[in-house]
PDB file of N, CA and C in Angstrom:
ATOM      1  N   MET A   1     -82.405  27.849   4.721  1.00  0.00           N
ATOM      2  CA  MET A   1     -81.663  27.573   5.934  1.00  0.00           C
ATOM      3  C   MET A   1     -81.086  28.872   6.482  1.00  0.00           C
ATOM      4  N   ALA A   2     -81.408  29.192   7.699  1.00  0.00           N
ATOM      5  CA  ALA A   2     -80.953  30.436   8.315  1.00  0.00           C
ATOM      6  C   ALA A   2     -79.484  30.336   8.708  1.00  0.00           C
ATOM      7  N   GLU A   3     -78.782  31.471   8.554  1.00  0.00           N
ATOM      8  CA  GLU A   3     -77.384  31.507   8.957  1.00  0.00           C
ATOM      9  C   GLU A   3     -77.291  31.573  10.478  1.00  0.00           C
ATOM     10  N   GLU A   4     -76.221  31.000  11.003  1.00  0.00           N
ATOM     11  CA  GLU A   4     -76.010  31.013  12.443  1.00  0.00           C
ATOM     12  C   GLU A   4     -75.605  32.421  12.884  1.00  0.00           C
ATOM     13  N   ILE A   5     -76.242  32.906  13.926  1.00  0.00           N
ATOM     14  CA  ILE A   5     -75.906  34.209  14.494  1.00  0.00           C
ATOM     15  C   ILE A   5     -75.038  33.971  15.717  1.00  0.00           C
ATOM     16  N   ASN A   6     -73.844  34.550  15.693  1.00  0.00           N
ATOM     17  CA  ASN A   6     -72.930  34.443  16.828  1.00  0.00           C
ATOM     18  C   ASN A   6     -73.087  35.655  17.725  1.00  0.00           C
ATOM     19  N   ARG A   7     -73.028  35.417  19.013  1.00  0.00           N
ATOM     20  CA  ARG A   7     -73.059  36.478  20.017  1.00  0.00           C
ATOM     21  C   ARG A   7     -71.703  36.473  20.709  1.00  0.00           C
ATOM     22  N   VAL A   8     -71.042  37.625  20.688  1.00  0.00           N
ATOM     23  CA  VAL A   8     -69.678  37.697  21.206  1.00  0.00           C
ATOM     24  C   VAL A   8     -69.557  38.877  22.148  1.00  0.00           C
ATOM     25  N   ALA A   9     -69.075  38.626  23.360  1.00  0.00           N
ATOM     26  CA  ALA A   9     -68.818  39.700  24.316  1.00  0.00           C
ATOM     27  C   ALA A   9     -67.446  40.289  24.009  1.00  0.00           C
ATOM     28  N   VAL A  10     -67.403  41.603  23.845  1.00  0.00           N
ATOM     29  CA  VAL A  10     -66.148  42.302  23.564  1.00  0.00           C
ATOM     30  C   VAL A  10     -66.035  43.488  24.509  1.00  0.00           C
ATOM     31  N   GLU A  11     -64.833  44.048  24.558  1.00  0.00           N
ATOM     32  CA  GLU A  11     -64.611  45.233  25.372  1.00  0.00           C
ATOM     33  C   GLU A  11     -63.980  46.311  24.498  1.00  0.00           C
ATOM     34  N   ILE A  12     -64.582  47.489  24.535  1.00  0.00           N
ATOM     35  CA  ILE A  12     -64.060  48.646  23.812  1.00  0.00           C
ATOM     36  C   ILE A  12     -63.975  49.796  24.806  1.00  0.00           C
ATOM     37  N   LEU A  13     -62.773  50.304  25.003  1.00  0.00           N
ATOM     38  CA  LEU A  13     -62.520  51.380  25.964  1.00  0.00           C
ATOM     39  C   LEU A  13     -63.040  51.041  27.364  1.00  0.00           C
ATOM     40  N   GLY A  14     -62.870  49.805  27.742  1.00  0.00           N
ATOM     41  CA  GLY A  14     -63.271  49.377  29.078  1.00  0.00           C
ATOM     42  C   GLY A  14     -64.753  49.105  29.239  1.00  0.00           C
ATOM     43  N   GLU A  15     -65.529  49.306  28.185  1.00  0.00           N
ATOM     44  CA  GLU A  15     -66.966  49.038  28.220  1.00  0.00           C
ATOM     45  C   GLU A  15     -67.229  47.704  27.549  1.00  0.00           C
ATOM     46  N   ARG A  16     -68.105  46.932  28.143  1.00  0.00           N
ATOM     47  CA  ARG A  16     -68.441  45.621  27.580  1.00  0.00           C
ATOM     48  C   ARG A  16     -69.640  45.748  26.647  1.00  0.00           C
ATOM     49  N   TYR A  17     -69.539  45.091  25.500  1.00  0.00           N
ATOM     50  CA  TYR A  17     -70.611  45.084  24.507  1.00  0.00           C
ATOM     51  C   TYR A  17     -70.869  43.646  24.080  1.00  0.00           C
ATOM     52  N   LEU A  18     -72.112  43.335  23.811  1.00  0.00           N
ATOM     53  CA  LEU A  18     -72.467  42.043  23.251  1.00  0.00           C
ATOM     54  C   LEU A  18     -72.810  42.287  21.780  1.00  0.00           C
ATOM     55  N   LEU A  19     -71.924  41.810  20.899  1.00  0.00           N
ATOM     56  CA  LEU A  19     -72.119  41.999  19.470  1.00  0.00           C
ATOM     57  C   LEU A  19     -72.683  40.727  18.860  1.00  0.00           C
ATOM     58  N   LYS A  20     -73.561  40.897  17.894  1.00  0.00           N
ATOM     59  CA  LYS A  20     -74.161  39.758  17.203  1.00  0.00           C
ATOM     60  C   LYS A  20     -73.883  39.884  15.722  1.00  0.00           C
ATOM     61  N   GLY A  21     -73.609  38.753  15.091  1.00  0.00           N
ATOM     62  CA  GLY A  21     -73.383  38.772  13.656  1.00  0.00           C
ATOM     63  C   GLY A  21     -73.266  37.377  13.097  1.00  0.00           C
ATOM     64  N   ASP A  22     -73.308  37.307  11.767  1.00  0.00           N
ATOM     65  CA  ASP A  22     -73.220  36.000  11.119  1.00  0.00           C
ATOM     66  C   ASP A  22     -71.779  35.630  10.764  1.00  0.00           C
ATOM     67  N   ARG A  23     -70.824  36.421  11.176  1.00  0.00           N
ATOM     68  CA  ARG A  23     -69.407  36.114  10.954  1.00  0.00           C
ATOM     69  C   ARG A  23     -68.872  35.355  12.167  1.00  0.00           C
ATOM     70  N   SER A  24     -67.654  34.845  12.042  1.00  0.00           N
ATOM     71  CA  SER A  24     -67.075  34.037  13.123  1.00  0.00           C
ATOM     72  C   SER A  24     -66.816  34.902  14.357  1.00  0.00           C
ATOM     73  N   PRO A  25     -66.841  34.285  15.539  1.00  0.00           N
ATOM     74  CA  PRO A  25     -66.536  35.040  16.759  1.00  0.00           C
ATOM     75  C   PRO A  25     -65.169  35.722  16.695  1.00  0.00           C
ATOM     76  N   GLU A  26     -64.181  35.053  16.111  1.00  0.00           N
ATOM     77  CA  GLU A  26     -62.839  35.655  16.006  1.00  0.00           C
ATOM     78  C   GLU A  26     -62.875  36.904  15.137  1.00  0.00           C
ATOM     79  N   TYR A  27     -63.608  36.866  14.055  1.00  0.00           N
ATOM     80  CA  TYR A  27     -63.739  38.025  13.180  1.00  0.00           C
ATOM     81  C   TYR A  27     -64.379  39.194  13.934  1.00  0.00           C
ATOM     82  N   ILE A  28     -65.432  38.915  14.658  1.00  0.00           N
ATOM     83  CA  ILE A  28     -66.126  39.955  15.434  1.00  0.00           C
ATOM     84  C   ILE A  28     -65.176  40.533  16.486  1.00  0.00           C
ATOM     85  N   ARG A  29     -64.393  39.682  17.140  1.00  0.00           N
ATOM     86  CA  ARG A  29     -63.413  40.167  18.126  1.00  0.00           C
ATOM     87  C   ARG A  29     -62.357  41.057  17.469  1.00  0.00           C
ATOM     88  N   ARG A  30     -61.903  40.675  16.278  1.00  0.00           N
ATOM     89  CA  ARG A  30     -60.905  41.489  15.561  1.00  0.00           C
ATOM     90  C   ARG A  30     -61.471  42.862  15.216  1.00  0.00           C
ATOM     91  N   LEU A  31     -62.728  42.907  14.795  1.00  0.00           N
ATOM     92  CA  LEU A  31     -63.357  44.198  14.498  1.00  0.00           C
ATOM     93  C   LEU A  31     -63.407  45.072  15.744  1.00  0.00           C
ATOM     94  N   ALA A  32     -63.832  44.483  16.851  1.00  0.00           N
ATOM     95  CA  ALA A  32     -63.915  45.241  18.102  1.00  0.00           C
ATOM     96  C   ALA A  32     -62.533  45.726  18.537  1.00  0.00           C
ATOM     97  N   ALA A  33     -61.522  44.888  18.377  1.00  0.00           N
ATOM     98  CA  ALA A  33     -60.156  45.277  18.741  1.00  0.00           C
ATOM     99  C   ALA A  33     -59.674  46.429  17.864  1.00  0.00           C
ATOM    100  N   GLU A  34     -60.031  46.414  16.581  1.00  0.00           N
ATOM    101  CA  GLU A  34     -59.642  47.500  15.677  1.00  0.00           C
ATOM    102  C   GLU A  34     -60.316  48.807  16.080  1.00  0.00           C
ATOM    103  N   VAL A  35     -61.591  48.754  16.410  1.00  0.00           N
ATOM    104  CA  VAL A  35     -62.303  49.949  16.865  1.00  0.00           C
ATOM    105  C   VAL A  35     -61.666  50.469  18.152  1.00  0.00           C
ATOM    106  N   ASP A  36     -61.411  49.578  19.096  1.00  0.00           N
ATOM    107  CA  ASP A  36     -60.781  49.964  20.360  1.00  0.00           C
ATOM    108  C   ASP A  36     -59.438  50.634  20.094  1.00  0.00           C
ATOM    109  N   HIS A  37     -58.643  50.048  19.213  1.00  0.00           N
ATOM    110  CA  HIS A  37     -57.320  50.596  18.894  1.00  0.00           C
ATOM    111  C   HIS A  37     -57.433  52.000  18.291  1.00  0.00           C
ATOM    112  N   ARG A  38     -58.349  52.164  17.346  1.00  0.00           N
ATOM    113  CA  ARG A  38     -58.470  53.457  16.666  1.00  0.00           C
ATOM    114  C   ARG A  38     -58.979  54.553  17.597  1.00  0.00           C
ATOM    115  N   VAL A  39     -59.938  54.235  18.440  1.00  0.00           N
ATOM    116  CA  VAL A  39     -60.443  55.242  19.372  1.00  0.00           C
ATOM    117  C   VAL A  39     -59.362  55.597  20.397  1.00  0.00           C
ATOM    118  N   ARG A  40     -58.671  54.589  20.914  1.00  0.00           N
ATOM    119  CA  ARG A  40     -57.584  54.851  21.861  1.00  0.00           C
ATOM    120  C   ARG A  40     -56.477  55.688  21.235  1.00  0.00           C
ATOM    121  N   ASP A  41     -56.172  55.425  19.974  1.00  0.00           N
ATOM    122  CA  ASP A  41     -55.140  56.190  19.276  1.00  0.00           C
ATOM    123  C   ASP A  41     -55.528  57.666  19.217  1.00  0.00           C
ATOM    124  N   ILE A  42     -56.771  57.964  18.894  1.00  0.00           N
ATOM    125  CA  ILE A  42     -57.241  59.355  18.850  1.00  0.00           C
ATOM    126  C   ILE A  42     -57.168  59.983  20.234  1.00  0.00           C
ATOM    127  N   ILE A  43     -57.604  59.252  21.254  1.00  0.00           N
ATOM    128  CA  ILE A  43     -57.562  59.772  22.625  1.00  0.00           C
ATOM    129  C   ILE A  43     -56.120  60.025  23.065  1.00  0.00           C
ATOM    130  N   ASN A  44     -55.205  59.141  22.694  1.00  0.00           N
ATOM    131  CA  ASN A  44     -53.798  59.325  23.059  1.00  0.00           C
ATOM    132  C   ASN A  44     -53.185  60.542  22.383  1.00  0.00           C
ATOM    133  N   ARG A  45     -53.609  60.842  21.167  1.00  0.00           N
ATOM    134  CA  ARG A  45     -53.077  62.000  20.451  1.00  0.00           C
ATOM    135  C   ARG A  45     -53.745  63.304  20.869  1.00  0.00           C
ATOM    136  N   HIS A  46     -54.972  63.205  21.378  1.00  0.00           N
ATOM    137  CA  HIS A  46     -55.741  64.396  21.776  1.00  0.00           C
ATOM    138  C   HIS A  46     -56.364  64.121  23.147  1.00  0.00           C
ATOM    139  N   SER A  47     -55.575  64.275  24.189  1.00  0.00           N
ATOM    140  CA  SER A  47     -55.968  63.825  25.527  1.00  0.00           C
ATOM    141  C   SER A  47     -57.217  64.506  26.084  1.00  0.00           C
ATOM    142  N   ARG A  48     -57.564  65.660  25.584  1.00  0.00           N
ATOM    143  CA  ARG A  48     -58.733  66.375  26.118  1.00  0.00           C
ATOM    144  C   ARG A  48     -60.030  66.081  25.377  1.00  0.00           C
ATOM    145  N   ILE A  49     -59.954  65.291  24.339  1.00  0.00           N
ATOM    146  CA  ILE A  49     -61.147  65.013  23.537  1.00  0.00           C
ATOM    147  C   ILE A  49     -62.085  64.054  24.291  1.00  0.00           C
ATOM    148  N   PRO A  50     -63.373  64.350  24.307  1.00  0.00           N
ATOM    149  CA  PRO A  50     -64.327  63.425  24.951  1.00  0.00           C
ATOM    150  C   PRO A  50     -64.380  62.094  24.186  1.00  0.00           C
ATOM    151  N   ILE A  51     -64.683  61.038  24.901  1.00  0.00           N
ATOM    152  CA  ILE A  51     -64.714  59.700  24.314  1.00  0.00           C
ATOM    153  C   ILE A  51     -65.702  59.626  23.151  1.00  0.00           C
ATOM    154  N   THR A  52     -66.863  60.258  23.299  1.00  0.00           N
ATOM    155  CA  THR A  52     -67.857  60.189  22.222  1.00  0.00           C
ATOM    156  C   THR A  52     -67.334  60.845  20.945  1.00  0.00           C
ATOM    157  N   LYS A  53     -66.628  61.957  21.079  1.00  0.00           N
ATOM    158  CA  LYS A  53     -66.067  62.611  19.897  1.00  0.00           C
ATOM    159  C   LYS A  53     -64.948  61.767  19.291  1.00  0.00           C
ATOM    160  N   ALA A  54     -64.157  61.134  20.134  1.00  0.00           N
ATOM    161  CA  ALA A  54     -63.099  60.247  19.636  1.00  0.00           C
ATOM    162  C   ALA A  54     -63.727  59.087  18.874  1.00  0.00           C
ATOM    163  N   ALA A  55     -64.830  58.556  19.375  1.00  0.00           N
ATOM    164  CA  ALA A  55     -65.514  57.452  18.691  1.00  0.00           C
ATOM    165  C   ALA A  55     -66.057  57.902  17.338  1.00  0.00           C
ATOM    166  N   VAL A  56     -66.615  59.101  17.283  1.00  0.00           N
ATOM    167  CA  VAL A  56     -67.136  59.614  16.016  1.00  0.00           C
ATOM    168  C   VAL A  56     -65.991  59.838  15.030  1.00  0.00           C
ATOM    169  N   LEU A  57     -64.882  60.407  15.491  1.00  0.00           N
ATOM    170  CA  LEU A  57     -63.724  60.603  14.611  1.00  0.00           C
ATOM    171  C   LEU A  57     -63.194  59.267  14.091  1.00  0.00           C
ATOM    172  N   ALA A  58     -63.147  58.267  14.957  1.00  0.00           N
ATOM    173  CA  ALA A  58     -62.709  56.940  14.525  1.00  0.00           C
ATOM    174  C   ALA A  58     -63.665  56.391  13.469  1.00  0.00           C
ATOM    175  N   ALA A  59     -64.961  56.588  13.662  1.00  0.00           N
ATOM    176  CA  ALA A  59     -65.947  56.119  12.683  1.00  0.00           C
ATOM    177  C   ALA A  59     -65.779  56.843  11.348  1.00  0.00           C
ATOM    178  N   VAL A  60     -65.538  58.149  11.389  1.00  0.00           N
ATOM    179  CA  VAL A  60     -65.326  58.912  10.155  1.00  0.00           C
ATOM    180  C   VAL A  60     -64.057  58.439   9.449  1.00  0.00           C
ATOM    181  N   ASN A  61     -62.995  58.195  10.222  1.00  0.00           N
ATOM    182  CA  ASN A  61     -61.753  57.685   9.631  1.00  0.00           C
ATOM    183  C   ASN A  61     -61.959  56.326   8.983  1.00  0.00           C
ATOM    184  N   LEU A  62     -62.710  55.445   9.654  1.00  0.00           N
ATOM    185  CA  LEU A  62     -62.996  54.125   9.082  1.00  0.00           C
ATOM    186  C   LEU A  62     -63.865  54.243   7.833  1.00  0.00           C
ATOM    187  N   ALA A  63     -64.845  55.149   7.849  1.00  0.00           N
ATOM    188  CA  ALA A  63     -65.698  55.352   6.678  1.00  0.00           C
ATOM    189  C   ALA A  63     -64.871  55.868   5.501  1.00  0.00           C
ATOM    190  N   ASP A  64     -63.933  56.771   5.779  1.00  0.00           N
ATOM    191  CA  ASP A  64     -63.049  57.288   4.736  1.00  0.00           C
ATOM    192  C   ASP A  64     -62.195  56.166   4.155  1.00  0.00           C
ATOM    193  N   GLU A  65     -61.634  55.353   5.031  1.00  0.00           N
ATOM    194  CA  GLU A  65     -60.809  54.226   4.575  1.00  0.00           C
ATOM    195  C   GLU A  65     -61.636  53.260   3.725  1.00  0.00           C
ATOM    196  N   LEU A  66     -62.840  52.952   4.161  1.00  0.00           N
ATOM    197  CA  LEU A  66     -63.720  52.069   3.405  1.00  0.00           C
ATOM    198  C   LEU A  66     -64.036  52.659   2.032  1.00  0.00           C
ATOM    199  N   ASN A  67     -64.351  53.947   1.989  1.00  0.00           N
ATOM    200  CA  ASN A  67     -64.678  54.601   0.725  1.00  0.00           C
ATOM    201  C   ASN A  67     -63.492  54.584  -0.234  1.00  0.00           C
ATOM    202  N   ARG A  68     -62.290  54.860   0.272  1.00  0.00           N
ATOM    203  CA  ARG A  68     -61.105  54.837  -0.579  1.00  0.00           C
ATOM    204  C   ARG A  68     -60.845  53.425  -1.122  1.00  0.00           C
ATOM    205  N   LEU A  69     -61.027  52.415  -0.267  1.00  0.00           N
ATOM    206  CA  LEU A  69     -60.847  51.035  -0.725  1.00  0.00           C
ATOM    207  C   LEU A  69     -61.889  50.666  -1.768  1.00  0.00           C
ATOM    208  N   GLN A  70     -63.126  51.114  -1.577  1.00  0.00           N
ATOM    209  CA  GLN A  70     -64.186  50.836  -2.551  1.00  0.00           C
ATOM    210  C   GLN A  70     -63.865  51.486  -3.885  1.00  0.00           C
ATOM    211  N   GLU A  71     -63.390  52.737  -3.856  1.00  0.00           N
ATOM    212  CA  GLU A  71     -63.016  53.420  -5.092  1.00  0.00           C
ATOM    213  C   GLU A  71     -61.880  52.673  -5.798  1.00  0.00           C
ATOM    214  N   SER A  72     -60.908  52.225  -5.027  1.00  0.00           N
ATOM    215  CA  SER A  72     -59.786  51.478  -5.591  1.00  0.00           C
ATOM    216  C   SER A  72     -60.270  50.164  -6.206  1.00  0.00           C
ATOM    217  N   TYR A  73     -61.128  49.467  -5.490  1.00  0.00           N
ATOM    218  CA  TYR A  73     -61.695  48.206  -5.979  1.00  0.00           C
ATOM    219  C   TYR A  73     -62.472  48.441  -7.266  1.00  0.00           C
ATOM    220  N   ASP A  74     -63.328  49.469  -7.281  1.00  0.00           N
ATOM    221  CA  ASP A  74     -64.122  49.768  -8.478  1.00  0.00           C
ATOM    222  C   ASP A  74     -63.216  50.070  -9.666  1.00  0.00           C
ATOM    223  N   GLY A  75     -62.139  50.795  -9.417  1.00  0.00           N
ATOM    224  CA  GLY A  75     -61.190  51.101 -10.486  1.00  0.00           C
ATOM    225  C   GLY A  75     -60.533  49.849 -11.027  1.00  0.00           C
ATOM    226  N   LEU A  76     -60.167  48.927 -10.147  1.00  0.00           N
ATOM    227  CA  LEU A  76     -59.566  47.671 -10.585  1.00  0.00           C
ATOM    228  C   LEU A  76     -60.553  46.832 -11.397  1.00  0.00           C
ATOM    229  N   VAL A  77     -61.798  46.795 -10.964  1.00  0.00           N
ATOM    230  CA  VAL A  77     -62.821  46.037 -11.696  1.00  0.00           C
ATOM    231  C   VAL A  77     -62.995  46.616 -13.089  1.00  0.00           C
ATOM    232  N   LYS A  78     -63.047  47.946 -13.205  1.00  0.00           N
ATOM    233  CA  LYS A  78     -63.191  48.579 -14.517  1.00  0.00           C
ATOM    234  C   LYS A  78     -61.988  48.266 -15.407  1.00  0.00           C
ATOM    235  N   MET A  79     -60.796  48.278 -14.823  1.00  0.00           N
ATOM    236  CA  MET A  79     -59.591  47.979 -15.583  1.00  0.00           C
ATOM    237  C   MET A  79     -59.628  46.540 -16.104  1.00  0.00           C
ATOM    238  N   ILE A  80     -60.062  45.618 -15.267  1.00  0.00           N
ATOM    239  CA  ILE A  80     -60.166  44.213 -15.677  1.00  0.00           C
ATOM    240  C   ILE A  80     -61.210  44.061 -16.773  1.00  0.00           C
ATOM    241  N   GLU A  81     -62.341  44.736 -16.636  1.00  0.00           N
ATOM    242  CA  GLU A  81     -63.389  44.656 -17.654  1.00  0.00           C
ATOM    243  C   GLU A  81     -62.912  45.195 -18.991  1.00  0.00           C
ATOM    244  N   ARG A  82     -62.114  46.282 -18.973  1.00  0.00           N
ATOM    245  CA  ARG A  82     -61.572  46.835 -20.222  1.00  0.00           C
ATOM    246  C   ARG A  82     -60.594  45.869 -20.872  1.00  0.00           C
ATOM    247  N   GLU A  83     -59.844  45.134 -20.066  1.00  0.00           N
ATOM    248  CA  GLU A  83     -58.861  44.192 -20.597  1.00  0.00           C
ATOM    249  C   GLU A  83     -59.533  42.987 -21.262  1.00  0.00           C
ATOM    250  N   LYS A  84     -60.751  42.667 -20.829  1.00  0.00           N
ATOM    251  CA  LYS A  84     -61.478  41.525 -21.393  1.00  0.00           C
ATOM    252  C   LYS A  84     -61.927  41.793 -22.816  1.00  0.00           C
ATOM    253  N   VAL A  85     -62.130  43.050 -23.129  1.00  0.00           N
ATOM    254  CA  VAL A  85     -62.667  43.415 -24.452  1.00  0.00           C
ATOM    255  C   VAL A  85     -61.633  43.312 -25.526  1.00  0.00           C
TER     256      VAL A  85
END
């Protein structure tokens, strides 16, 4: 049985995008809002930065955050596995 694909229109920095995914429309909207917030935050702190560079910086910041969370998660899993022994 195939998963339902949702199509959701969102706006990031005044540009409209049609995003597709198997998550709920609200989840997809929250992701888009987070991206919009992070890119706007960079632009507000560095007013001369081009939008494309702000988007790349936001992506790098999100990738860093994801990597740190993954490392933390992996550490917790290892700790739990050691406690089982």
